[in-house]
Amino acid sequence: MDDSDEEFEILFGDTSSSSSDELIGQVIMLNRLQEMQKSQQIRRPLRTSDMSGRQYLLELLTGHPDRLFYTIRMDINTFRSLCRRLVEMEVIEHDRVISVEEAVVMFLWIVTHNQRVRTVAERYQHSGETICRQFGRVLDALCYLGNEDCVGAIDGTHVSAVAPTLKQLAFRGRKVDVTQNVMAACSFNMMFTYVYAGWEGTANDSRVLLDAMRKDDNFPMSPQAPYRGERYHLHRFRARGNHPRGAMELFNYRHSSLRNVIERCFGLLKARFPILKSMPPYLLGKQRRIPIACCAIHNWIRMHSINDEMFKQYSVNARIVEDIEGTENQSNTTTENQQEGDGAGISETPELNFSQAYMAQMESVRDGIAGQMWLSYNNNT
C-alpha cells in the first residue's frame, strides 16, 4: 500500500468493505462542513462612509459654485435645467434610492474626468452594479435630447474605443490606437446638429457619410462643396479691403468659417469629456452612444451657459486643435499642395459616385444659397 492509499484510508476508513453509498455520504458531509465554516465568517460592509452620495451632492449644490464646475464641467443653473428637462421629457425618473440629480452628476463625473466605476462607487457610496445601471439610464436619456434641425459643417473625428480582440484590427485608425469614427455636423454657434457614431476607426469618412445618407431619414442633406477658383480660406479675407466680392466668394467665405467651427467643436468636445480620449471597456453599443450623449451635453451647456469658460477658449478662429491620434490641425490653414478653393466641410466626398441629376440638384441648391447670402450681405452693408 502506498502513501496515498494510507491517507485516503485515514480520511474515509477502509473502503474495501464499505459500500459506495457510504463513501458518497461522507464526501457530501465534508462539503457541507466546509460550507458551514464559510457561512460563519464575518462579512464586513464595504461602503461605510458617513457621507452618502446624496449628502455629497447637496454639498456640491450648496457650496462654492466652482466646486460643481470643476466636478462636472457645468454650472449649477445649467445642471438643474438639464435634470428638469430630462424629467419633463419622461426619459428618466427618480429611482427609489437615487434621484435623477445624483444619477446625472455621477454620469457627468465619469465622462468629464474619465473616472472608473470603483472610484465613483466609493465617492457616492453605492455598489458598482448600481453605478453601471445609473450610467446606462442617464446615457439612454441624454441620447433623446434632440439637435437643431438645420444643415451645418459635416466632418469626422476619431474617438477612443475598446474592441474585442477579434475586432481590434478593424477599429485601429490611421495609427495604432483603437478608435471609432464619429461623423458630426455643427452650426456657426458651435452647436452639434447631427451625430452619427459607431463606425470602426479604419472606415473612410465618405463611407460613413454614405451609410448615414442611406440609412438615416433625418440626415441633413447639404449643398455642394465651395466654388473652385474663388478665394476660400479665412486668412485670404482678413486683410483690409479683402472682403468677399460677389456671391461665390461670399459663399466660400461662409463655408470656410463653418469648416473652422467644426474643428473647434471637436477640440472642445474632447477637452471637456476626456472619456472620448480613453474609453473604458464598455460594451460596443454603450461606447457608440457615449459620443452622442456628450454632444447633447455640449449643446445644452451652449444654450444655457453663456459665460462658459471652455466655450470662450475655443471661440478663437485660429485656435489649434489636436485630434484623438495626436495630429495637430490649425483651423484656418491647409497643406501647400491643396488646390485653391478645395475644402472639407459640407459633405465634400470625392469617393462617392453620385448621379449627375443629384449633383446638378445640389449645385442648384448651392447657387440659391449663395444668391440669398449675397443679397443679405449687400443689404446689411
Protein backbone atom coordinates (compact mmCIF):
# COMPACT_ATOMS: atom_id res chain seq x y z
CA MET A 1 0.00 0.00 0.00
CA ASP A 2 1.46 3.39 -0.99
CA ASP A 3 1.23 6.69 0.94
CA SER A 4 -1.80 7.99 -0.98
CA ASP A 5 -3.81 4.90 -0.09
CA GLU A 6 -2.92 5.31 3.57
CA GLU A 7 -4.06 8.99 3.55
CA PHE A 8 -7.33 8.06 1.86
CA GLU A 9 -7.89 5.31 4.46
CA ILE A 10 -7.30 7.77 7.30
CA LEU A 11 -9.92 10.18 5.92
CA PHE A 12 -12.61 7.75 4.85
CA GLY A 13 -11.69 4.45 6.51
CA ASP A 14 -11.29 1.12 4.85
CA THR A 15 -13.38 1.33 1.71
CA SER A 16 -12.78 -2.24 0.74
CA SER A 17 -15.77 -3.35 2.84
CA SER A 18 -17.89 -0.17 2.70
CA SER A 19 -20.40 0.49 0.02
CA SER A 20 -20.16 3.29 -2.49
CA ASP A 21 -23.21 4.99 -0.96
CA GLU A 22 -21.41 5.40 2.36
CA LEU A 23 -18.41 6.94 0.61
CA ILE A 24 -20.62 9.43 -1.25
CA GLY A 25 -22.38 10.33 2.00
CA GLN A 26 -19.06 11.06 3.70
CA VAL A 27 -17.96 13.30 0.84
CA ILE A 28 -21.25 15.24 0.94
CA MET A 29 -20.94 15.68 4.71
CA LEU A 30 -17.38 17.00 4.31
CA ASN A 31 -18.56 19.55 1.71
CA ARG A 32 -21.36 20.72 3.98
CA LEU A 33 -18.96 21.21 6.84
CA GLN A 34 -16.78 23.42 4.63
CA GLU A 35 -19.80 25.47 3.51
CA MET A 36 -20.85 25.98 7.13
CA GLN A 37 -17.40 27.26 8.01
CA LYS A 38 -17.53 29.77 5.14
CA SER A 39 -21.00 30.99 6.09
CA GLN A 40 -19.88 31.60 9.68
CA GLN A 41 -17.16 34.02 8.56
CA ILE A 42 -17.99 37.65 9.46
CA ARG A 43 -18.92 39.78 6.43
CA ARG A 44 -17.77 43.36 6.67
CA PRO A 45 -19.77 46.06 4.83
CA LEU A 46 -17.81 47.82 2.05
CA ARG A 47 -19.48 51.24 1.88
CA THR A 48 -19.21 52.68 5.41
CA SER A 49 -18.59 56.40 4.83
CA ASP A 50 -20.59 58.82 6.98
CA MET A 51 -21.31 61.00 3.91
CA SER A 52 -23.73 59.39 1.46
CA GLY A 53 -23.89 60.24 -2.22
CA ARG A 54 -26.99 62.36 -1.66
CA GLN A 55 -25.24 64.35 1.06
CA TYR A 56 -22.18 64.87 -1.14
CA LEU A 57 -24.37 66.12 -4.00
CA LEU A 58 -26.13 68.53 -1.62
CA GLU A 59 -22.75 69.83 -0.52
CA LEU A 60 -21.76 70.45 -4.14
CA LEU A 61 -25.02 72.25 -4.94
CA THR A 62 -24.92 74.50 -1.86
CA GLY A 63 -21.18 75.12 -1.68
CA HIS A 64 -18.88 77.31 -3.74
CA PRO A 65 -20.04 77.34 -7.41
CA ASP A 66 -16.56 76.46 -8.67
CA ARG A 67 -16.71 73.10 -6.88
CA LEU A 68 -19.58 71.88 -9.03
CA PHE A 69 -17.99 73.25 -12.21
CA TYR A 70 -14.67 71.54 -11.52
CA THR A 71 -16.52 68.31 -10.73
CA ILE A 72 -18.84 68.08 -13.75
CA ARG A 73 -17.69 70.97 -16.04
CA MET A 74 -21.13 72.59 -15.71
CA ASP A 75 -22.54 75.41 -13.58
CA ILE A 76 -25.41 74.83 -11.15
CA ASN A 77 -28.14 76.52 -13.21
CA THR A 78 -27.25 74.55 -16.35
CA PHE A 79 -27.12 71.34 -14.32
CA ARG A 80 -30.53 71.90 -12.73
CA SER A 81 -32.13 72.84 -16.06
CA LEU A 82 -30.71 69.70 -17.67
CA CYS A 83 -32.15 67.48 -14.94
CA ARG A 84 -35.53 69.18 -15.16
CA ARG A 85 -35.61 68.77 -18.92
CA LEU A 86 -34.84 65.05 -18.74
CA VAL A 87 -37.64 64.55 -16.22
CA GLU A 88 -40.08 66.62 -18.29
CA MET A 89 -39.29 64.52 -21.38
CA GLU A 90 -40.15 61.44 -19.30
CA VAL A 91 -36.99 59.69 -20.46
CA ILE A 92 -35.77 59.21 -16.88
CA GLU A 93 -37.41 59.28 -13.47
CA HIS A 94 -36.33 59.32 -9.84
CA ASP A 95 -35.19 55.95 -8.59
CA ARG A 96 -36.29 54.52 -5.24
CA VAL A 97 -32.80 55.10 -3.87
CA ILE A 98 -31.10 57.52 -6.27
CA SER A 99 -32.55 60.79 -7.55
CA VAL A 100 -32.20 61.99 -11.14
CA GLU A 101 -29.80 64.73 -9.98
CA GLU A 102 -27.50 62.20 -8.30
CA ALA A 103 -27.61 59.88 -11.30
CA VAL A 104 -26.77 62.72 -13.71
CA VAL A 105 -23.93 64.07 -11.57
CA MET A 106 -22.38 60.57 -11.37
CA PHE A 107 -22.63 60.23 -15.15
CA LEU A 108 -21.04 63.65 -15.71
CA TRP A 109 -18.24 62.87 -13.28
CA ILE A 110 -17.40 59.74 -15.24
CA VAL A 111 -17.38 61.34 -18.69
CA THR A 112 -15.73 64.65 -17.72
CA HIS A 113 -12.91 63.09 -15.68
CA ASN A 114 -12.89 59.57 -17.17
CA GLN A 115 -13.33 58.12 -13.69
CA ARG A 116 -13.76 54.39 -13.26
CA VAL A 117 -16.81 52.79 -11.69
CA ARG A 118 -14.98 51.80 -8.50
CA THR A 119 -13.91 55.39 -7.85
CA VAL A 120 -17.43 56.73 -8.32
CA ALA A 121 -18.87 53.90 -6.20
CA GLU A 122 -16.54 54.83 -3.34
CA ARG A 123 -17.35 58.55 -3.56
CA TYR A 124 -21.14 58.12 -3.77
CA GLN A 125 -21.34 55.03 -1.54
CA HIS A 126 -23.15 52.77 -3.99
CA SER A 127 -22.29 49.37 -5.38
CA GLY A 128 -20.54 49.02 -8.71
CA GLU A 129 -23.66 47.41 -10.17
CA THR A 130 -25.74 50.44 -9.14
CA ILE A 131 -23.27 52.87 -10.74
CA CYS A 132 -23.29 50.93 -14.02
CA ARG A 133 -27.09 50.77 -14.07
CA GLN A 134 -27.46 54.50 -13.38
CA PHE A 135 -24.83 55.31 -16.01
CA GLY A 136 -26.86 53.38 -18.59
CA ARG A 137 -30.10 55.13 -17.56
CA VAL A 138 -28.63 58.62 -17.97
CA LEU A 139 -26.84 57.65 -21.20
CA ASP A 140 -30.11 56.50 -22.79
CA ALA A 141 -31.92 59.62 -21.57
CA LEU A 142 -29.31 62.03 -22.97
CA CYS A 143 -29.46 60.39 -26.39
CA TYR A 144 -33.10 61.52 -26.59
CA LEU A 145 -32.13 65.19 -26.39
CA GLY A 146 -32.79 66.45 -29.90
CA ASN A 147 -30.46 68.54 -32.04
CA GLU A 148 -31.31 71.56 -34.14
CA ASP A 149 -32.94 70.74 -37.47
CA CYS A 150 -30.55 72.58 -39.77
CA VAL A 151 -27.63 71.96 -42.10
CA GLY A 152 -24.11 72.60 -40.85
CA ALA A 153 -20.49 71.68 -41.46
CA ILE A 154 -20.02 67.91 -41.62
CA ASP A 155 -16.75 66.28 -40.63
CA GLY A 156 -15.44 63.15 -38.96
CA THR A 157 -13.30 62.60 -35.88
CA HIS A 158 -11.80 59.59 -34.16
CA VAL A 159 -12.94 58.72 -30.63
CA SER A 160 -11.18 56.21 -28.40
CA ALA A 161 -12.73 52.73 -28.33
CA VAL A 162 -12.20 49.33 -26.70
CA ALA A 163 -12.95 46.44 -29.05
CA PRO A 164 -12.80 42.66 -28.65
CA THR A 165 -9.56 41.03 -29.78
CA LEU A 166 -11.11 39.60 -32.94
CA LYS A 167 -12.41 43.05 -33.99
CA GLN A 168 -9.47 45.25 -33.00
CA LEU A 169 -7.90 45.29 -36.46
CA ALA A 170 -10.99 46.93 -37.93
CA PHE A 171 -11.05 49.54 -35.13
CA ARG A 172 -7.42 50.62 -35.46
CA GLY A 173 -7.27 54.04 -37.10
CA ARG A 174 -4.51 55.72 -39.04
CA LYS A 175 -2.04 54.87 -36.30
CA VAL A 176 -2.13 52.13 -33.65
CA ASP A 177 -4.98 53.46 -31.50
CA VAL A 178 -8.25 51.57 -31.34
CA THR A 179 -10.91 54.15 -32.29
CA GLN A 180 -14.39 54.60 -33.66
CA ASN A 181 -15.13 57.04 -36.46
CA VAL A 182 -17.75 59.62 -35.47
CA MET A 183 -19.32 61.92 -38.05
CA ALA A 184 -20.96 65.12 -36.87
CA ALA A 185 -22.39 68.38 -38.18
CA CYS A 186 -22.41 71.72 -36.39
CA SER A 187 -23.75 75.24 -36.79
CA PHE A 188 -21.93 78.58 -36.66
CA ASN A 189 -22.89 78.79 -32.99
CA MET A 190 -20.79 75.69 -32.19
CA MET A 191 -23.92 73.56 -31.74
CA PHE A 192 -23.90 69.96 -32.92
CA THR A 193 -26.82 69.48 -35.30
CA TYR A 194 -26.21 65.85 -36.28
CA VAL A 195 -24.12 62.98 -34.86
CA TYR A 196 -23.55 59.54 -36.41
CA ALA A 197 -21.36 57.21 -34.34
CA GLY A 198 -20.31 53.58 -34.20
CA TRP A 199 -18.18 53.00 -37.31
CA GLU A 200 -14.77 51.33 -36.96
CA GLY A 201 -11.66 53.51 -36.94
CA THR A 202 -10.48 52.19 -40.32
CA ALA A 203 -13.72 53.27 -42.05
CA ASN A 204 -13.29 56.10 -44.57
CA ASP A 205 -15.20 59.31 -43.86
CA SER A 206 -17.01 59.07 -47.18
CA ARG A 207 -18.15 55.54 -46.36
CA VAL A 208 -19.59 56.74 -43.04
CA LEU A 209 -21.32 59.63 -44.83
CA LEU A 210 -22.83 57.35 -47.47
CA ASP A 211 -24.09 54.96 -44.79
CA ALA A 212 -25.74 57.82 -42.89
CA MET A 213 -27.40 59.15 -46.04
CA ARG A 214 -28.71 55.71 -46.96
CA LYS A 215 -29.96 54.58 -43.53
CA ASP A 216 -30.98 57.75 -41.70
CA ASP A 217 -34.06 59.60 -42.94
CA ASN A 218 -33.13 62.54 -40.69
CA PHE A 219 -29.77 63.10 -42.35
CA PRO A 220 -29.36 66.84 -43.19
CA MET A 221 -28.86 66.94 -46.95
CA SER A 222 -26.30 69.62 -47.74
CA PRO A 223 -25.35 71.69 -50.79
CA GLN A 224 -22.31 71.00 -52.91
CA ALA A 225 -18.79 71.95 -51.82
CA PRO A 226 -17.40 75.51 -52.38
CA TYR A 227 -16.80 77.12 -55.74
CA ARG A 228 -13.42 76.24 -57.22
CA GLY A 229 -11.20 79.01 -58.47
CA GLU A 230 -12.55 81.50 -55.91
CA ARG A 231 -10.95 82.60 -52.65
CA TYR A 232 -11.77 80.14 -49.88
CA HIS A 233 -9.53 80.11 -46.78
CA LEU A 234 -10.18 82.60 -43.98
CA HIS A 235 -6.73 84.19 -43.99
CA ARG A 236 -7.34 85.36 -47.60
CA PHE A 237 -10.16 87.61 -46.36
CA ARG A 238 -8.56 89.09 -43.23
CA ALA A 239 -6.53 91.96 -44.66
CA ARG A 240 -8.17 95.38 -45.00
CA GLY A 241 -10.18 95.65 -48.18
CA ASN A 242 -10.24 91.89 -48.73
CA HIS A 243 -13.95 91.47 -48.06
CA PRO A 244 -15.83 88.97 -50.25
CA ARG A 245 -16.61 90.13 -53.79
CA GLY A 246 -19.61 88.51 -55.34
CA ALA A 247 -21.94 85.71 -54.29
CA MET A 248 -19.46 82.88 -54.94
CA GLU A 249 -16.68 84.37 -52.81
CA LEU A 250 -19.15 85.13 -50.02
CA PHE A 251 -20.39 81.51 -50.09
CA ASN A 252 -16.80 80.23 -49.93
CA TYR A 253 -16.05 82.58 -47.02
CA ARG A 254 -19.06 81.38 -45.04
CA HIS A 255 -18.25 77.78 -45.90
CA SER A 256 -14.65 78.14 -44.73
CA SER A 257 -15.82 79.73 -41.47
CA LEU A 258 -18.16 76.82 -40.85
CA ARG A 259 -15.37 74.34 -41.51
CA ASN A 260 -13.31 76.17 -38.92
CA VAL A 261 -16.13 75.80 -36.40
CA ILE A 262 -16.47 72.01 -36.70
CA GLU A 263 -12.79 71.52 -35.93
CA ARG A 264 -13.03 73.69 -32.83
CA CYS A 265 -16.21 71.87 -31.78
CA PHE A 266 -14.38 68.56 -31.86
CA GLY A 267 -11.47 70.03 -29.92
CA LEU A 268 -13.77 71.43 -27.24
CA LEU A 269 -15.76 68.19 -27.04
CA LYS A 270 -12.66 66.09 -26.32
CA ALA A 271 -11.27 68.67 -23.88
CA ARG A 272 -14.49 68.72 -21.86
CA PHE A 273 -15.04 64.94 -21.98
CA PRO A 274 -11.70 63.08 -21.58
CA ILE A 275 -13.59 59.79 -21.75
CA LEU A 276 -13.54 60.27 -25.54
CA LYS A 277 -9.74 60.04 -25.46
CA SER A 278 -9.54 56.96 -23.22
CA MET A 279 -12.70 54.89 -23.39
CA PRO A 280 -13.35 52.38 -20.57
CA PRO A 281 -14.07 48.77 -21.63
CA TYR A 282 -17.83 49.16 -22.02
CA LEU A 283 -19.88 47.13 -24.47
CA LEU A 284 -19.63 48.43 -28.04
CA GLY A 285 -23.27 49.51 -28.03
CA LYS A 286 -22.67 51.72 -24.99
CA GLN A 287 -19.43 53.09 -26.47
CA ARG A 288 -21.37 54.14 -29.58
CA ARG A 289 -23.88 56.16 -27.55
CA ILE A 290 -21.35 57.95 -25.32
CA PRO A 291 -20.18 60.46 -28.02
CA ILE A 292 -23.83 61.19 -28.83
CA ALA A 293 -24.59 61.88 -25.16
CA CYS A 294 -21.50 64.10 -24.86
CA CYS A 295 -22.65 66.13 -27.88
CA ALA A 296 -26.07 66.54 -26.27
CA ILE A 297 -24.48 67.86 -23.06
CA HIS A 298 -22.24 70.13 -25.18
CA ASN A 299 -25.33 71.65 -26.83
CA TRP A 300 -27.14 72.06 -23.52
CA ILE A 301 -24.23 73.95 -22.00
CA ARG A 302 -24.02 76.15 -25.09
CA MET A 303 -27.72 77.05 -24.81
CA HIS A 304 -27.85 77.61 -21.06
CA SER A 305 -24.39 78.81 -20.02
CA ILE A 306 -23.45 81.96 -21.92
CA ASN A 307 -20.27 82.59 -19.89
CA ASP A 308 -18.89 79.07 -20.05
CA GLU A 309 -15.10 79.37 -19.87
CA MET A 310 -14.34 76.47 -22.18
CA PHE A 311 -16.53 77.86 -24.95
CA LYS A 312 -14.74 81.17 -24.61
CA GLN A 313 -11.37 79.46 -25.04
CA TYR A 314 -12.47 77.64 -28.19
CA SER A 315 -14.24 80.61 -29.77
CA VAL A 316 -10.98 81.88 -31.29
CA ASN A 317 -10.97 81.16 -35.03
CA ALA A 318 -7.25 80.46 -35.28
CA ARG A 319 -7.11 78.05 -32.34
CA ILE A 320 -5.04 74.89 -32.92
CA VAL A 321 -6.87 71.69 -32.03
CA GLU A 322 -5.49 68.19 -31.58
CA ASP A 323 -7.36 65.10 -32.68
CA ILE A 324 -7.55 61.75 -30.88
CA GLU A 325 -4.49 60.36 -32.64
CA GLY A 326 -2.21 63.27 -31.84
CA THR A 327 -2.28 65.16 -35.15
CA GLU A 328 -2.40 68.93 -34.73
CA ASN A 329 -4.52 70.92 -37.16
CA GLN A 330 -4.81 74.68 -37.41
CA SER A 331 -8.35 75.59 -38.25
CA ASN A 332 -7.65 78.19 -40.92
CA THR A 333 -4.70 76.62 -42.79
CA THR A 334 -4.20 73.71 -45.16
CA THR A 335 -1.33 71.99 -46.92
CA GLU A 336 0.51 73.93 -49.62
CA ASN A 337 -0.28 71.43 -52.36
CA GLN A 338 -4.04 71.72 -51.80
CA GLN A 339 -5.81 73.43 -54.68
CA GLU A 340 -7.29 76.86 -54.09
CA GLY A 341 -11.00 76.51 -53.46
CA ASP A 342 -10.82 72.93 -52.18
CA GLY A 343 -12.09 72.27 -48.70
CA ALA A 344 -13.59 69.68 -46.47
CA GLY A 345 -16.64 70.66 -44.53
CA ILE A 346 -20.09 70.41 -46.01
CA SER A 347 -20.15 66.92 -47.48
CA GLU A 348 -17.17 67.06 -49.83
CA THR A 349 -16.92 63.38 -50.71
CA PRO A 350 -14.96 62.75 -53.96
CA GLU A 351 -15.04 58.99 -53.38
CA LEU A 352 -18.83 58.87 -53.73
CA ASN A 353 -20.30 58.30 -57.16
CA PHE A 354 -23.45 60.40 -57.11
CA SER A 355 -25.65 60.60 -60.18
CA GLN A 356 -25.42 63.64 -62.46
CA ALA A 357 -29.01 64.58 -61.61
CA TYR A 358 -28.17 64.61 -57.89
CA MET A 359 -25.04 66.69 -58.45
CA ALA A 360 -26.97 69.19 -60.56
CA GLN A 361 -29.61 69.44 -57.86
CA MET A 362 -27.03 70.09 -55.16
CA GLU A 363 -25.30 72.74 -57.30
CA SER A 364 -28.64 74.43 -57.78
CA VAL A 365 -29.21 74.46 -54.03
CA ARG A 366 -25.71 75.87 -53.51
CA ASP A 367 -26.25 78.64 -56.08
CA GLY A 368 -29.56 79.54 -54.46
CA ILE A 369 -27.98 79.78 -51.02
CA ALA A 370 -25.09 81.86 -52.40
CA GLY A 371 -27.52 84.29 -54.05
CA GLN A 372 -29.50 84.72 -50.83
CA MET A 373 -26.28 85.28 -48.87
CA TRP A 374 -25.10 87.96 -51.31
CA LEU A 375 -28.44 89.76 -51.24
CA SER A 376 -28.49 89.79 -47.43
CA TYR A 377 -24.82 90.84 -47.30
CA ASN A 378 -25.46 93.86 -49.58
CA ASN A 379 -28.49 94.92 -47.55
CA ASN A 380 -26.51 94.82 -44.31
CA THR A 381 -23.54 96.71 -45.68
